[in-house]
Amino acid sequence: LDQARTFLLSVPAAFWQNEQCVAKACRVWLWRRDAQRALTALKNFSGDYFEGRGFIGPKDYLTGLAHQMAGKPDAAQTDWRAALQVINRRLAAEPNEATLHFWKACLLACLHETVEAERALRIFEQHGGTRGPQINVSFGGGAGETAVVYLLLGHQAEVLDYLEARHRSFSSRRPGDAVVLRNRLRLDPTWDPLRSDPRFQALLKEP
């Protein structure tokens, strides 16, 4: 993360014209717990929905995370409601798009609208989305990462069961991915609600 910070502080202006670069830069700043720089990076993207490889989803989901990290819960809630409006507009045009149903579930969970979030999650699964908690072993988060939604909905034990099983599978077949998974769990603030759990702490200590 220190090297990523040094790189981002030295990139040319053209870097910020690429939505994939902006999304990944935002992720670096969030992982560094630097909410203000995350928000500054996001200002470089004029759209309301990222569709590049770095992140697929509504911009205001990320601004909400940054505002929440900065201790501004009201601003975060405002952002997430704006993001939900973006998703609902897209769903009106593409009612069978699973990715959009995922984001509806995720944003409703962020807004503590638990019953509606659970319903949206079931609809996501009915439209071909993965069932149960899932996480991508990648740079960072986006559509279909249902483990995030399950965690927001309070299903911590189920998420931990999944993460432990995923890590065991990687350790036996793809040890490099096991390292990536541990590093992501260690750095990504998404998993902060689990940090005091002994099972999560043991997972991070796995060789």
N, C-alpha and C. Protein backbone atom coordinates (compact mmCIF):
# COMPACT_ATOMS: atom_id res chain seq x y z
N LEU A 1 0.83 -1.21 0.00
CA LEU A 1 0.00 0.00 0.00
C LEU A 1 0.86 1.26 0.00
N ASP A 2 2.01 1.23 0.66
CA ASP A 2 2.89 2.39 0.65
C ASP A 2 3.40 2.66 -0.76
N GLN A 3 3.76 1.60 -1.48
CA GLN A 3 4.22 1.76 -2.85
C GLN A 3 3.10 2.25 -3.75
N ALA A 4 1.89 1.75 -3.52
CA ALA A 4 0.74 2.20 -4.30
C ALA A 4 0.47 3.68 -4.06
N ARG A 5 0.61 4.12 -2.81
CA ARG A 5 0.43 5.54 -2.49
C ARG A 5 1.45 6.39 -3.22
N THR A 6 2.71 5.98 -3.19
CA THR A 6 3.77 6.73 -3.87
C THR A 6 3.48 6.84 -5.36
N PHE A 7 3.04 5.74 -5.93
CA PHE A 7 2.71 5.74 -7.37
C PHE A 7 1.57 6.71 -7.67
N LEU A 8 0.50 6.64 -6.89
CA LEU A 8 -0.67 7.46 -7.17
C LEU A 8 -0.39 8.96 -7.01
N LEU A 9 0.54 9.29 -6.14
CA LEU A 9 0.87 10.70 -5.94
C LEU A 9 1.76 11.25 -7.05
N SER A 10 2.20 10.38 -7.95
CA SER A 10 3.13 10.82 -9.00
C SER A 10 2.60 10.60 -10.42
N VAL A 11 1.37 10.09 -10.56
CA VAL A 11 0.87 9.75 -11.90
C VAL A 11 0.55 11.03 -12.67
N PRO A 12 0.66 10.98 -14.01
CA PRO A 12 0.29 12.13 -14.84
C PRO A 12 -1.22 12.34 -14.85
N ALA A 13 -1.64 13.51 -15.27
CA ALA A 13 -3.06 13.86 -15.26
C ALA A 13 -3.90 12.91 -16.11
N ALA A 14 -3.30 12.36 -17.17
CA ALA A 14 -4.05 11.47 -18.06
C ALA A 14 -4.55 10.22 -17.34
N PHE A 15 -3.85 9.84 -16.28
CA PHE A 15 -4.26 8.66 -15.50
C PHE A 15 -5.70 8.80 -15.04
N TRP A 16 -6.07 10.01 -14.63
CA TRP A 16 -7.38 10.23 -14.02
C TRP A 16 -8.51 10.32 -15.03
N GLN A 17 -8.19 10.22 -16.32
CA GLN A 17 -9.23 10.22 -17.34
C GLN A 17 -9.75 8.81 -17.63
N ASN A 18 -9.13 7.82 -17.00
CA ASN A 18 -9.50 6.42 -17.24
C ASN A 18 -10.32 5.92 -16.05
N GLU A 19 -11.55 5.47 -16.30
CA GLU A 19 -12.42 5.09 -15.19
C GLU A 19 -11.89 3.88 -14.42
N GLN A 20 -11.21 2.96 -15.10
CA GLN A 20 -10.63 1.82 -14.40
C GLN A 20 -9.55 2.29 -13.43
N CYS A 21 -8.75 3.25 -13.87
CA CYS A 21 -7.69 3.78 -12.99
C CYS A 21 -8.29 4.50 -11.79
N VAL A 22 -9.34 5.27 -12.01
CA VAL A 22 -9.99 5.99 -10.91
C VAL A 22 -10.54 5.00 -9.89
N ALA A 23 -11.21 3.95 -10.37
CA ALA A 23 -11.80 2.96 -9.46
C ALA A 23 -10.73 2.27 -8.63
N LYS A 24 -9.63 1.91 -9.26
CA LYS A 24 -8.58 1.22 -8.53
C LYS A 24 -7.87 2.17 -7.56
N ALA A 25 -7.70 3.41 -7.97
CA ALA A 25 -7.10 4.38 -7.06
C ALA A 25 -7.97 4.58 -5.83
N CYS A 26 -9.28 4.68 -6.05
CA CYS A 26 -10.20 4.82 -4.92
C CYS A 26 -10.06 3.64 -3.97
N ARG A 27 -9.93 2.45 -4.52
CA ARG A 27 -9.80 1.26 -3.68
C ARG A 27 -8.51 1.33 -2.84
N VAL A 28 -7.43 1.77 -3.45
CA VAL A 28 -6.17 1.92 -2.70
C VAL A 28 -6.35 2.87 -1.53
N TRP A 29 -6.97 4.03 -1.80
CA TRP A 29 -7.14 5.01 -0.72
C TRP A 29 -8.06 4.48 0.37
N LEU A 30 -9.10 3.75 0.00
CA LEU A 30 -9.98 3.17 1.03
C LEU A 30 -9.22 2.14 1.86
N TRP A 31 -8.40 1.33 1.21
CA TRP A 31 -7.64 0.33 1.94
C TRP A 31 -6.61 0.98 2.86
N ARG A 32 -6.16 2.19 2.51
CA ARG A 32 -5.25 2.93 3.35
C ARG A 32 -5.99 3.74 4.42
N ARG A 33 -7.31 3.64 4.42
CA ARG A 33 -8.17 4.40 5.35
C ARG A 33 -8.01 5.90 5.13
N ASP A 34 -7.79 6.31 3.89
CA ASP A 34 -7.65 7.72 3.55
C ASP A 34 -8.91 8.14 2.79
N ALA A 35 -9.96 8.45 3.53
CA ALA A 35 -11.26 8.74 2.94
C ALA A 35 -11.23 9.97 2.04
N GLN A 36 -10.52 11.01 2.46
CA GLN A 36 -10.53 12.24 1.68
C GLN A 36 -9.90 12.04 0.31
N ARG A 37 -8.79 11.30 0.26
CA ARG A 37 -8.16 11.06 -1.05
C ARG A 37 -9.04 10.16 -1.92
N ALA A 38 -9.78 9.24 -1.29
CA ALA A 38 -10.72 8.42 -2.06
C ALA A 38 -11.78 9.30 -2.71
N LEU A 39 -12.32 10.24 -1.94
CA LEU A 39 -13.34 11.15 -2.48
C LEU A 39 -12.76 12.03 -3.58
N THR A 40 -11.53 12.49 -3.38
CA THR A 40 -10.88 13.32 -4.40
C THR A 40 -10.69 12.54 -5.69
N ALA A 41 -10.29 11.28 -5.57
CA ALA A 41 -10.11 10.44 -6.76
C ALA A 41 -11.44 10.27 -7.50
N LEU A 42 -12.51 10.05 -6.76
CA LEU A 42 -13.81 9.81 -7.38
C LEU A 42 -14.35 11.03 -8.11
N LYS A 43 -13.92 12.22 -7.72
CA LYS A 43 -14.36 13.43 -8.41
C LYS A 43 -13.88 13.47 -9.86
N ASN A 44 -12.88 12.66 -10.18
CA ASN A 44 -12.38 12.62 -11.55
C ASN A 44 -13.29 11.85 -12.49
N PHE A 45 -14.26 11.12 -11.94
CA PHE A 45 -15.17 10.34 -12.76
C PHE A 45 -16.51 11.06 -12.80
N SER A 46 -16.92 11.48 -14.00
CA SER A 46 -18.13 12.28 -14.13
C SER A 46 -19.41 11.46 -14.21
N GLY A 47 -19.29 10.17 -14.44
CA GLY A 47 -20.47 9.33 -14.56
C GLY A 47 -21.02 8.93 -13.21
N ASP A 48 -22.12 8.17 -13.23
CA ASP A 48 -22.70 7.68 -11.99
C ASP A 48 -22.58 6.17 -11.82
N TYR A 49 -21.93 5.50 -12.82
CA TYR A 49 -21.84 4.04 -12.78
C TYR A 49 -20.55 3.61 -13.46
N PHE A 50 -19.69 2.92 -12.72
CA PHE A 50 -18.45 2.38 -13.28
C PHE A 50 -18.75 1.08 -14.03
N GLU A 51 -18.12 0.92 -15.19
CA GLU A 51 -18.32 -0.31 -15.96
C GLU A 51 -17.01 -0.91 -16.45
N GLY A 52 -15.90 -0.42 -15.90
CA GLY A 52 -14.60 -0.95 -16.29
C GLY A 52 -14.20 -2.16 -15.47
N ARG A 53 -13.00 -2.67 -15.74
CA ARG A 53 -12.54 -3.88 -15.06
C ARG A 53 -12.19 -3.62 -13.60
N GLY A 54 -11.86 -2.39 -13.25
CA GLY A 54 -11.47 -2.12 -11.88
C GLY A 54 -12.62 -2.21 -10.90
N PHE A 55 -13.82 -1.89 -11.37
CA PHE A 55 -15.00 -1.91 -10.50
C PHE A 55 -16.23 -1.77 -11.39
N ILE A 56 -17.26 -2.54 -11.08
CA ILE A 56 -18.53 -2.43 -11.79
C ILE A 56 -19.60 -2.13 -10.76
N GLY A 57 -20.15 -0.92 -10.81
CA GLY A 57 -21.16 -0.56 -9.85
C GLY A 57 -21.33 0.94 -9.74
N PRO A 58 -22.26 1.40 -8.92
CA PRO A 58 -22.54 2.84 -8.81
C PRO A 58 -21.45 3.60 -8.09
N LYS A 59 -21.11 4.76 -8.63
CA LYS A 59 -20.08 5.61 -8.03
C LYS A 59 -20.42 5.96 -6.59
N ASP A 60 -21.69 6.26 -6.33
CA ASP A 60 -22.05 6.73 -4.99
C ASP A 60 -22.03 5.63 -3.93
N TYR A 61 -21.90 4.37 -4.35
CA TYR A 61 -21.62 3.33 -3.35
C TYR A 61 -20.24 3.59 -2.75
N LEU A 62 -19.28 3.92 -3.61
CA LEU A 62 -17.91 4.17 -3.14
C LEU A 62 -17.81 5.47 -2.35
N THR A 63 -18.49 6.53 -2.82
CA THR A 63 -18.45 7.77 -2.05
C THR A 63 -19.09 7.57 -0.68
N GLY A 64 -20.11 6.72 -0.63
CA GLY A 64 -20.73 6.41 0.66
C GLY A 64 -19.77 5.71 1.60
N LEU A 65 -18.99 4.76 1.07
CA LEU A 65 -17.99 4.09 1.90
C LEU A 65 -16.98 5.09 2.44
N ALA A 66 -16.56 6.03 1.57
CA ALA A 66 -15.57 7.02 2.00
C ALA A 66 -16.15 7.94 3.07
N HIS A 67 -17.37 8.39 2.89
CA HIS A 67 -17.99 9.25 3.88
C HIS A 67 -18.21 8.52 5.21
N GLN A 68 -18.59 7.25 5.12
CA GLN A 68 -18.74 6.48 6.35
C GLN A 68 -17.41 6.36 7.07
N MET A 69 -16.34 6.10 6.32
CA MET A 69 -15.01 5.99 6.90
C MET A 69 -14.58 7.30 7.54
N ALA A 70 -15.02 8.43 6.96
CA ALA A 70 -14.64 9.75 7.47
C ALA A 70 -15.50 10.16 8.67
N GLY A 71 -16.38 9.28 9.13
CA GLY A 71 -17.22 9.60 10.27
C GLY A 71 -18.39 10.50 9.93
N LYS A 72 -18.89 10.37 8.69
CA LYS A 72 -20.03 11.17 8.24
C LYS A 72 -21.16 10.25 7.79
N PRO A 73 -21.83 9.60 8.75
CA PRO A 73 -22.85 8.61 8.39
C PRO A 73 -24.03 9.18 7.62
N ASP A 74 -24.42 10.42 7.91
CA ASP A 74 -25.54 11.01 7.18
C ASP A 74 -25.19 11.21 5.71
N ALA A 75 -23.97 11.67 5.44
CA ALA A 75 -23.53 11.83 4.05
C ALA A 75 -23.46 10.47 3.35
N ALA A 76 -23.01 9.45 4.08
CA ALA A 76 -22.95 8.10 3.51
C ALA A 76 -24.34 7.62 3.12
N GLN A 77 -25.31 7.82 4.01
CA GLN A 77 -26.68 7.39 3.72
C GLN A 77 -27.24 8.13 2.51
N THR A 78 -26.93 9.43 2.41
CA THR A 78 -27.38 10.20 1.25
C THR A 78 -26.78 9.64 -0.04
N ASP A 79 -25.50 9.32 -0.01
CA ASP A 79 -24.84 8.75 -1.19
C ASP A 79 -25.47 7.41 -1.57
N TRP A 80 -25.70 6.57 -0.59
CA TRP A 80 -26.24 5.24 -0.90
C TRP A 80 -27.67 5.32 -1.43
N ARG A 81 -28.44 6.30 -0.97
CA ARG A 81 -29.78 6.48 -1.52
C ARG A 81 -29.70 6.97 -2.96
N ALA A 82 -28.73 7.84 -3.24
CA ALA A 82 -28.52 8.29 -4.62
C ALA A 82 -28.11 7.12 -5.51
N ALA A 83 -27.22 6.27 -4.99
CA ALA A 83 -26.79 5.09 -5.75
C ALA A 83 -27.97 4.16 -6.01
N LEU A 84 -28.85 4.01 -5.03
CA LEU A 84 -30.02 3.15 -5.20
C LEU A 84 -30.93 3.70 -6.30
N GLN A 85 -31.05 5.00 -6.40
CA GLN A 85 -31.84 5.59 -7.48
C GLN A 85 -31.24 5.26 -8.84
N VAL A 86 -29.91 5.31 -8.92
CA VAL A 86 -29.23 4.93 -10.17
C VAL A 86 -29.56 3.49 -10.54
N ILE A 87 -29.49 2.61 -9.56
CA ILE A 87 -29.77 1.19 -9.81
C ILE A 87 -31.22 0.97 -10.21
N ASN A 88 -32.13 1.64 -9.54
CA ASN A 88 -33.55 1.47 -9.88
C ASN A 88 -33.84 1.95 -11.29
N ARG A 89 -33.20 3.03 -11.72
CA ARG A 89 -33.39 3.50 -13.10
C ARG A 89 -32.87 2.46 -14.09
N ARG A 90 -31.73 1.89 -13.79
CA ARG A 90 -31.18 0.88 -14.68
C ARG A 90 -32.04 -0.39 -14.69
N LEU A 91 -32.57 -0.74 -13.52
CA LEU A 91 -33.44 -1.92 -13.46
C LEU A 91 -34.72 -1.73 -14.27
N ALA A 92 -35.20 -0.51 -14.34
CA ALA A 92 -36.40 -0.25 -15.14
C ALA A 92 -36.15 -0.58 -16.61
N ALA A 93 -34.90 -0.37 -17.05
CA ALA A 93 -34.54 -0.67 -18.44
C ALA A 93 -34.06 -2.10 -18.63
N GLU A 94 -33.47 -2.69 -17.56
CA GLU A 94 -32.91 -4.05 -17.65
C GLU A 94 -33.37 -4.86 -16.42
N PRO A 95 -34.63 -5.23 -16.37
CA PRO A 95 -35.17 -5.88 -15.16
C PRO A 95 -34.60 -7.26 -14.87
N ASN A 96 -33.94 -7.87 -15.84
CA ASN A 96 -33.41 -9.22 -15.64
C ASN A 96 -31.90 -9.24 -15.44
N GLU A 97 -31.28 -8.07 -15.30
CA GLU A 97 -29.84 -7.99 -15.13
C GLU A 97 -29.45 -8.30 -13.69
N ALA A 98 -28.79 -9.45 -13.49
CA ALA A 98 -28.48 -9.91 -12.13
C ALA A 98 -27.60 -8.93 -11.37
N THR A 99 -26.63 -8.32 -12.06
CA THR A 99 -25.72 -7.40 -11.40
C THR A 99 -26.48 -6.26 -10.71
N LEU A 100 -27.52 -5.77 -11.37
CA LEU A 100 -28.29 -4.66 -10.81
C LEU A 100 -29.07 -5.11 -9.58
N HIS A 101 -29.57 -6.32 -9.59
CA HIS A 101 -30.27 -6.84 -8.40
C HIS A 101 -29.29 -7.03 -7.24
N PHE A 102 -28.05 -7.41 -7.57
CA PHE A 102 -27.04 -7.49 -6.51
C PHE A 102 -26.84 -6.14 -5.86
N TRP A 103 -26.67 -5.11 -6.69
CA TRP A 103 -26.42 -3.78 -6.13
C TRP A 103 -27.62 -3.27 -5.34
N LYS A 104 -28.81 -3.61 -5.78
CA LYS A 104 -29.98 -3.20 -5.01
C LYS A 104 -29.94 -3.83 -3.62
N ALA A 105 -29.60 -5.11 -3.56
CA ALA A 105 -29.49 -5.80 -2.27
C ALA A 105 -28.41 -5.17 -1.41
N CYS A 106 -27.26 -4.89 -2.01
CA CYS A 106 -26.13 -4.34 -1.26
C CYS A 106 -26.47 -2.95 -0.70
N LEU A 107 -27.05 -2.11 -1.52
CA LEU A 107 -27.36 -0.74 -1.09
C LEU A 107 -28.46 -0.72 -0.04
N LEU A 108 -29.47 -1.57 -0.20
CA LEU A 108 -30.52 -1.65 0.81
C LEU A 108 -29.95 -2.12 2.15
N ALA A 109 -28.99 -3.04 2.08
CA ALA A 109 -28.33 -3.49 3.31
C ALA A 109 -27.53 -2.36 3.94
N CYS A 110 -26.84 -1.57 3.11
CA CYS A 110 -26.11 -0.40 3.63
C CYS A 110 -27.05 0.57 4.32
N LEU A 111 -28.27 0.66 3.82
CA LEU A 111 -29.27 1.59 4.35
C LEU A 111 -30.08 0.98 5.49
N HIS A 112 -29.70 -0.23 5.91
CA HIS A 112 -30.35 -0.94 7.03
C HIS A 112 -31.81 -1.29 6.74
N GLU A 113 -32.14 -1.41 5.46
CA GLU A 113 -33.48 -1.85 5.07
C GLU A 113 -33.41 -3.37 4.85
N THR A 114 -33.36 -4.08 5.97
CA THR A 114 -32.99 -5.50 5.97
C THR A 114 -33.96 -6.37 5.19
N VAL A 115 -35.24 -6.20 5.42
CA VAL A 115 -36.24 -7.06 4.77
C VAL A 115 -36.17 -6.91 3.26
N GLU A 116 -36.10 -5.67 2.78
CA GLU A 116 -36.03 -5.43 1.34
C GLU A 116 -34.70 -5.91 0.77
N ALA A 117 -33.64 -5.79 1.55
CA ALA A 117 -32.34 -6.26 1.08
C ALA A 117 -32.34 -7.78 0.91
N GLU A 118 -32.91 -8.48 1.87
CA GLU A 118 -33.00 -9.95 1.77
C GLU A 118 -33.81 -10.34 0.55
N ARG A 119 -34.89 -9.62 0.30
CA ARG A 119 -35.73 -9.92 -0.87
C ARG A 119 -34.94 -9.67 -2.16
N ALA A 120 -34.23 -8.57 -2.23
CA ALA A 120 -33.45 -8.27 -3.43
C ALA A 120 -32.35 -9.31 -3.64
N LEU A 121 -31.78 -9.81 -2.56
CA LEU A 121 -30.74 -10.84 -2.66
C LEU A 121 -31.31 -12.12 -3.24
N ARG A 122 -32.54 -12.49 -2.82
CA ARG A 122 -33.18 -13.68 -3.39
C ARG A 122 -33.47 -13.48 -4.88
N ILE A 123 -33.89 -12.28 -5.26
CA ILE A 123 -34.15 -12.00 -6.67
C ILE A 123 -32.86 -12.09 -7.47
N PHE A 124 -31.76 -11.56 -6.91
CA PHE A 124 -30.46 -11.67 -7.55
C PHE A 124 -30.13 -13.14 -7.83
N GLU A 125 -30.35 -14.01 -6.86
CA GLU A 125 -30.06 -15.43 -7.02
C GLU A 125 -30.96 -16.06 -8.07
N GLN A 126 -32.23 -15.63 -8.13
CA GLN A 126 -33.17 -16.17 -9.10
C GLN A 126 -32.80 -15.77 -10.53
N HIS A 127 -32.09 -14.66 -10.67
CA HIS A 127 -31.68 -14.19 -12.00
C HIS A 127 -30.27 -14.68 -12.36
N GLY A 128 -29.83 -15.71 -11.70
CA GLY A 128 -28.56 -16.33 -12.07
C GLY A 128 -27.38 -15.94 -11.22
N GLY A 129 -27.60 -15.14 -10.18
CA GLY A 129 -26.51 -14.79 -9.28
C GLY A 129 -26.14 -15.95 -8.38
N THR A 130 -24.97 -15.90 -7.81
CA THR A 130 -24.50 -16.98 -6.95
C THR A 130 -25.32 -17.03 -5.67
N ARG A 131 -25.50 -18.24 -5.16
CA ARG A 131 -26.23 -18.43 -3.92
C ARG A 131 -25.26 -18.49 -2.75
N GLY A 132 -25.65 -17.86 -1.66
CA GLY A 132 -24.81 -17.86 -0.48
C GLY A 132 -23.66 -16.88 -0.62
N PRO A 133 -22.84 -16.76 0.41
CA PRO A 133 -21.71 -15.82 0.38
C PRO A 133 -20.70 -16.19 -0.69
N GLN A 134 -20.21 -15.19 -1.40
CA GLN A 134 -19.17 -15.37 -2.40
C GLN A 134 -18.23 -14.17 -2.32
N ILE A 135 -16.97 -14.38 -2.70
CA ILE A 135 -16.00 -13.28 -2.76
C ILE A 135 -15.06 -13.55 -3.93
N ASN A 136 -14.74 -12.50 -4.67
CA ASN A 136 -13.77 -12.61 -5.76
C ASN A 136 -12.37 -12.43 -5.19
N VAL A 137 -11.46 -13.28 -5.62
CA VAL A 137 -10.06 -13.08 -5.22
C VAL A 137 -9.44 -12.16 -6.25
N SER A 138 -9.53 -10.88 -5.98
CA SER A 138 -9.08 -9.88 -6.94
C SER A 138 -8.70 -8.63 -6.19
N PHE A 139 -8.39 -7.59 -6.94
CA PHE A 139 -7.94 -6.35 -6.31
C PHE A 139 -9.00 -5.79 -5.38
N GLY A 140 -10.24 -5.89 -5.77
CA GLY A 140 -11.16 -5.38 -4.81
C GLY A 140 -12.61 -5.32 -5.09
N GLY A 141 -13.50 -5.91 -4.84
CA GLY A 141 -14.91 -5.77 -4.63
C GLY A 141 -15.72 -5.27 -5.81
N GLY A 142 -16.89 -5.69 -5.90
CA GLY A 142 -17.76 -5.24 -6.96
C GLY A 142 -18.95 -6.14 -7.07
N ALA A 143 -19.57 -6.11 -8.23
CA ALA A 143 -20.84 -6.81 -8.41
C ALA A 143 -20.70 -8.31 -8.16
N GLY A 144 -21.63 -8.85 -7.43
CA GLY A 144 -21.66 -10.28 -7.18
C GLY A 144 -20.96 -10.74 -5.92
N GLU A 145 -20.33 -9.83 -5.20
CA GLU A 145 -19.62 -10.21 -3.98
C GLU A 145 -20.63 -10.34 -2.83
N THR A 146 -21.37 -11.42 -2.86
CA THR A 146 -22.48 -11.55 -1.93
C THR A 146 -22.03 -11.70 -0.48
N ALA A 147 -20.77 -12.08 -0.23
CA ALA A 147 -20.31 -12.15 1.15
C ALA A 147 -20.43 -10.79 1.83
N VAL A 148 -20.22 -9.73 1.06
CA VAL A 148 -20.35 -8.37 1.60
C VAL A 148 -21.78 -8.12 2.06
N VAL A 149 -22.75 -8.53 1.24
CA VAL A 149 -24.16 -8.31 1.57
C VAL A 149 -24.55 -9.15 2.79
N TYR A 150 -24.13 -10.40 2.80
CA TYR A 150 -24.44 -11.26 3.95
C TYR A 150 -23.87 -10.68 5.24
N LEU A 151 -22.67 -10.10 5.14
CA LEU A 151 -22.06 -9.50 6.32
C LEU A 151 -22.85 -8.28 6.78
N LEU A 152 -23.26 -7.44 5.82
CA LEU A 152 -24.06 -6.26 6.15
C LEU A 152 -25.40 -6.65 6.79
N LEU A 153 -25.91 -7.80 6.41
CA LEU A 153 -27.19 -8.27 6.94
C LEU A 153 -27.05 -9.01 8.26
N GLY A 154 -25.82 -9.12 8.75
CA GLY A 154 -25.61 -9.71 10.07
C GLY A 154 -25.35 -11.19 10.10
N HIS A 155 -25.11 -11.81 8.94
CA HIS A 155 -24.88 -13.26 8.88
C HIS A 155 -23.39 -13.56 9.04
N GLN A 156 -22.81 -13.15 10.15
CA GLN A 156 -21.36 -13.25 10.32
C GLN A 156 -20.88 -14.70 10.34
N ALA A 157 -21.60 -15.55 11.03
CA ALA A 157 -21.17 -16.96 11.12
C ALA A 157 -21.16 -17.62 9.75
N GLU A 158 -22.17 -17.33 8.95
CA GLU A 158 -22.23 -17.91 7.61
C GLU A 158 -21.09 -17.40 6.74
N VAL A 159 -20.78 -16.13 6.86
CA VAL A 159 -19.67 -15.56 6.09
C VAL A 159 -18.34 -16.18 6.52
N LEU A 160 -18.15 -16.36 7.82
CA LEU A 160 -16.92 -16.97 8.31
C LEU A 160 -16.80 -18.42 7.85
N ASP A 161 -17.90 -19.16 7.87
CA ASP A 161 -17.89 -20.53 7.36
C ASP A 161 -17.40 -20.54 5.91
N TYR A 162 -17.93 -19.62 5.12
CA TYR A 162 -17.57 -19.56 3.71
C TYR A 162 -16.09 -19.19 3.54
N LEU A 163 -15.63 -18.16 4.26
CA LEU A 163 -14.25 -17.72 4.11
C LEU A 163 -13.26 -18.81 4.51
N GLU A 164 -13.57 -19.53 5.58
CA GLU A 164 -12.70 -20.64 6.01
C GLU A 164 -12.65 -21.73 4.95
N ALA A 165 -13.81 -22.08 4.39
CA ALA A 165 -13.86 -23.12 3.36
C ALA A 165 -13.12 -22.67 2.10
N ARG A 166 -13.30 -21.40 1.75
CA ARG A 166 -12.63 -20.86 0.57
C ARG A 166 -11.11 -20.89 0.75
N HIS A 167 -10.66 -20.51 1.94
CA HIS A 167 -9.23 -20.51 2.20
C HIS A 167 -8.66 -21.92 2.18
N ARG A 168 -9.37 -22.88 2.76
CA ARG A 168 -8.90 -24.28 2.73
C ARG A 168 -8.77 -24.77 1.30
N SER A 169 -9.77 -24.45 0.48
CA SER A 169 -9.74 -24.88 -0.92
C SER A 169 -8.56 -24.28 -1.65
N PHE A 170 -8.32 -22.98 -1.47
CA PHE A 170 -7.19 -22.34 -2.12
C PHE A 170 -5.87 -22.91 -1.62
N SER A 171 -5.77 -23.13 -0.32
CA SER A 171 -4.50 -23.60 0.26
C SER A 171 -4.09 -24.93 -0.32
N SER A 172 -5.07 -25.78 -0.62
CA SER A 172 -4.75 -27.12 -1.13
C SER A 172 -4.52 -27.14 -2.64
N ARG A 173 -5.16 -26.22 -3.37
CA ARG A 173 -5.09 -26.27 -4.83
C ARG A 173 -4.40 -25.07 -5.46
N ARG A 174 -4.57 -23.87 -4.87
CA ARG A 174 -4.04 -22.64 -5.45
C ARG A 174 -3.48 -21.76 -4.34
N PRO A 175 -2.32 -22.14 -3.79
CA PRO A 175 -1.78 -21.42 -2.63
C PRO A 175 -1.56 -19.94 -2.87
N GLY A 176 -1.27 -19.55 -4.10
CA GLY A 176 -1.11 -18.12 -4.38
C GLY A 176 -2.39 -17.34 -4.12
N ASP A 177 -3.53 -17.93 -4.49
CA ASP A 177 -4.81 -17.27 -4.24
C ASP A 177 -5.13 -17.23 -2.75
N ALA A 178 -4.64 -18.20 -2.00
CA ALA A 178 -4.84 -18.17 -0.55
C ALA A 178 -4.14 -16.96 0.06
N VAL A 179 -2.94 -16.65 -0.44
CA VAL A 179 -2.20 -15.47 0.04
C VAL A 179 -2.96 -14.19 -0.33
N VAL A 180 -3.46 -14.13 -1.56
CA VAL A 180 -4.21 -12.95 -2.00
C VAL A 180 -5.46 -12.76 -1.14
N LEU A 181 -6.15 -13.85 -0.86
CA LEU A 181 -7.35 -13.77 -0.04
C LEU A 181 -7.03 -13.26 1.36
N ARG A 182 -5.98 -13.80 1.98
CA ARG A 182 -5.61 -13.34 3.33
C ARG A 182 -5.24 -11.87 3.32
N ASN A 183 -4.48 -11.43 2.31
CA ASN A 183 -4.09 -10.03 2.26
C ASN A 183 -5.29 -9.12 2.06
N ARG A 184 -6.21 -9.55 1.24
CA ARG A 184 -7.40 -8.74 1.03
C ARG A 184 -8.22 -8.64 2.31
N LEU A 185 -8.40 -9.76 3.00
CA LEU A 185 -9.14 -9.73 4.26
C LEU A 185 -8.43 -8.87 5.29
N ARG A 186 -7.11 -8.88 5.26
CA ARG A 186 -6.33 -8.10 6.23
C ARG A 186 -6.45 -6.60 5.97
N LEU A 187 -6.51 -6.19 4.70
CA LEU A 187 -6.42 -4.77 4.35
C LEU A 187 -7.77 -4.11 4.11
N ASP A 188 -8.71 -4.83 3.54
CA ASP A 188 -9.96 -4.23 3.08
C ASP A 188 -10.86 -3.89 4.26
N PRO A 189 -11.27 -2.61 4.42
CA PRO A 189 -12.12 -2.23 5.55
C PRO A 189 -13.50 -2.85 5.51
N THR A 190 -13.87 -3.44 4.38
CA THR A 190 -15.15 -4.15 4.30
C THR A 190 -15.29 -5.17 5.43
N TRP A 191 -14.15 -5.76 5.81
CA TRP A 191 -14.19 -6.87 6.77
C TRP A 191 -13.96 -6.42 8.20
N ASP A 192 -13.97 -5.13 8.44
CA ASP A 192 -13.75 -4.62 9.79
C ASP A 192 -14.72 -5.19 10.83
N PRO A 193 -16.00 -5.45 10.48
CA PRO A 193 -16.91 -6.02 11.48
C PRO A 193 -16.47 -7.38 12.02
N LEU A 194 -15.56 -8.06 11.31
CA LEU A 194 -15.12 -9.39 11.73
C LEU A 194 -13.78 -9.36 12.48
N ARG A 195 -13.14 -8.23 12.58
CA ARG A 195 -11.75 -8.19 13.04
C ARG A 195 -11.58 -8.70 14.47
N SER A 196 -12.57 -8.54 15.32
CA SER A 196 -12.43 -9.00 16.71
C SER A 196 -12.81 -10.46 16.89
N ASP A 197 -13.28 -11.09 15.83
CA ASP A 197 -13.72 -12.49 15.93
C ASP A 197 -12.50 -13.41 15.90
N PRO A 198 -12.36 -14.32 16.86
CA PRO A 198 -11.20 -15.23 16.87
C PRO A 198 -11.06 -16.06 15.61
N ARG A 199 -12.18 -16.44 15.01
CA ARG A 199 -12.11 -17.24 13.77
C ARG A 199 -11.49 -16.42 12.64
N PHE A 200 -11.84 -15.16 12.56
CA PHE A 200 -11.28 -14.29 11.53
C PHE A 200 -9.79 -14.06 11.78
N GLN A 201 -9.43 -13.83 13.03
CA GLN A 201 -8.04 -13.62 13.38
C GLN A 201 -7.20 -14.85 13.06
N ALA A 202 -7.75 -16.03 13.31
CA ALA A 202 -7.03 -17.27 12.99
C ALA A 202 -6.84 -17.42 11.49
N LEU A 203 -7.86 -17.01 10.74
CA LEU A 203 -7.78 -17.10 9.28
C LEU A 203 -6.64 -16.24 8.74
N LEU A 204 -6.46 -15.07 9.31
CA LEU A 204 -5.39 -14.19 8.84
C LEU A 204 -4.01 -14.71 9.20
N LYS A 205 -3.92 -15.55 10.20
CA LYS A 205 -2.62 -16.09 10.63
C LYS A 205 -2.25 -17.36 9.91
N GLU A 206 -3.13 -17.88 9.07
CA GLU A 206 -2.83 -19.14 8.37
C GLU A 206 -1.57 -18.96 7.53
N PRO A 207 -0.73 -20.00 7.47
CA PRO A 207 0.51 -19.92 6.67
C PRO A 207 0.21 -19.86 5.18
